[in-house]
Amino acid sequence: MTEKERVEKVVYGVIGRINKSLLKDVPFGEIRSVPIVGSFDSLAMVNLVVDLEESIKQEFAKRVSLFGEGSSGPGPLKNIGSLVDYICIHLGDRRV
C-alpha cells in the first residue's frame, strides 16, 4: 500500500466516524471532490481536525497540522482530495 493510499484510508475512516452518511452514496471515483467545508457543523469540524491529526500521528509517527499560522479560507479542508494531497505533501510525499 502506498503512502497516499494509507492517507486516504485514514482520512476516509475519520470522516466516516464523524459523519457516517457523507460518503455513503458517493461513487468511489468522485470521493476526492466531496466538499468538507459546509459538510460539517463547527463542532464536527473541530472533531474532524483533532481526530485526523491524531490518527495521522499514530499511523505515520509524524505530526501534521491542518491549520497553520496565518491560514485563511478552506485551505486543505476544501474537499477530500485537497485534504489527502495536503497531508501527503506534509508527510514528505511530493508526488501527489
Protein backbone atom coordinates (compact mmCIF):
# COMPACT_ATOMS: atom_id res chain seq x y z
CA MET A 1 0.00 0.00 0.00
CA THR A 2 1.40 3.39 -0.97
CA GLU A 3 1.67 6.28 1.45
CA LYS A 4 -1.14 8.08 -0.39
CA GLU A 5 -3.39 5.02 -0.08
CA ARG A 6 -2.62 4.87 3.64
CA VAL A 7 -3.50 8.56 4.00
CA GLU A 8 -6.75 8.03 2.09
CA LYS A 9 -7.64 5.12 4.37
CA VAL A 10 -7.06 7.25 7.47
CA VAL A 11 -8.98 10.23 6.05
CA TYR A 12 -11.96 8.13 4.92
CA GLY A 13 -12.04 6.35 8.27
CA VAL A 14 -12.06 9.57 10.29
CA ILE A 15 -14.69 11.17 8.07
CA GLY A 16 -16.81 8.04 8.37
CA ARG A 17 -16.63 8.21 12.17
CA ILE A 18 -17.60 11.90 12.26
CA ASN A 19 -20.25 11.86 9.52
CA LYS A 20 -21.38 8.35 8.64
CA SER A 21 -23.63 9.46 5.77
CA LEU A 22 -21.22 11.84 3.95
CA LEU A 23 -19.53 9.19 1.79
CA LYS A 24 -22.35 6.64 1.80
CA ASP A 25 -23.75 7.20 -1.72
CA VAL A 26 -20.70 8.76 -3.38
CA PRO A 27 -19.20 6.73 -6.23
CA PHE A 28 -15.59 5.85 -5.41
CA GLY A 29 -14.22 7.84 -8.36
CA GLU A 30 -15.87 11.01 -7.05
CA ILE A 31 -14.81 10.84 -3.39
CA ARG A 32 -11.90 13.28 -3.84
CA SER A 33 -14.30 16.05 -4.94
CA VAL A 34 -16.62 15.76 -1.92
CA PRO A 35 -16.54 19.08 -0.04
CA ILE A 36 -15.51 19.14 3.60
CA VAL A 37 -16.24 22.78 4.41
CA GLY A 38 -20.01 23.03 4.67
CA SER A 39 -20.49 19.29 5.21
CA PHE A 40 -19.91 19.50 8.97
CA ASP A 41 -21.10 21.83 11.71
CA SER A 42 -18.43 23.72 13.65
CA LEU A 43 -18.12 21.17 16.46
CA ALA A 44 -17.83 18.31 13.96
CA MET A 45 -15.13 20.27 12.08
CA VAL A 46 -13.10 20.63 15.27
CA ASN A 47 -13.54 16.91 15.99
CA LEU A 48 -12.55 16.09 12.41
CA VAL A 49 -9.34 18.11 12.58
CA VAL A 50 -8.33 16.80 16.01
CA ASP A 51 -9.14 13.20 15.09
CA LEU A 52 -7.31 13.46 11.75
CA GLU A 53 -4.20 14.98 13.29
CA GLU A 54 -4.12 12.28 15.98
CA SER A 55 -4.81 9.45 13.51
CA ILE A 56 -2.06 10.67 11.16
CA LYS A 57 0.34 10.88 14.11
CA GLN A 58 -0.48 7.30 15.13
CA GLU A 59 -0.31 5.87 11.60
CA PHE A 60 2.81 7.68 10.36
CA ALA A 61 4.60 8.71 13.58
CA LYS A 62 4.66 12.27 12.20
CA ARG A 63 2.73 15.37 13.18
CA VAL A 64 0.74 17.21 10.51
CA SER A 65 -1.07 20.42 11.43
CA LEU A 66 -4.17 21.08 9.36
CA PHE A 67 -4.33 24.71 10.49
CA GLY A 68 -1.07 26.56 10.01
CA GLU A 69 -0.33 30.05 11.23
CA GLY A 70 -1.87 32.70 9.03
CA SER A 71 -4.09 30.27 7.17
CA SER A 72 -7.37 31.59 5.89
CA GLY A 73 -10.15 30.15 3.79
CA PRO A 74 -10.80 26.44 3.44
CA GLY A 75 -7.19 25.55 2.56
CA PRO A 76 -6.65 21.81 2.85
CA LEU A 77 -10.25 21.33 4.03
CA LYS A 78 -11.82 22.45 0.73
CA ASN A 79 -12.54 18.86 -0.30
CA ILE A 80 -11.33 15.35 0.42
CA GLY A 81 -8.80 15.38 -2.42
CA SER A 82 -7.15 18.61 -1.26
CA LEU A 83 -7.01 17.23 2.29
CA VAL A 84 -5.33 13.98 1.19
CA ASP A 85 -2.85 15.87 -1.00
CA TYR A 86 -2.03 18.34 1.79
CA ILE A 87 -1.35 15.53 4.26
CA CYS A 88 0.81 13.63 1.74
CA ILE A 89 2.88 16.72 0.99
CA HIS A 90 3.43 17.39 4.69
CA LEU A 91 4.40 13.77 5.26
CA GLY A 92 7.08 14.17 2.60
CA ASP A 93 5.41 12.56 -0.43
CA ARG A 94 5.84 15.27 -3.07
CA ARG A 95 4.42 13.06 -5.85
CA VAL A 96 0.73 13.84 -5.21
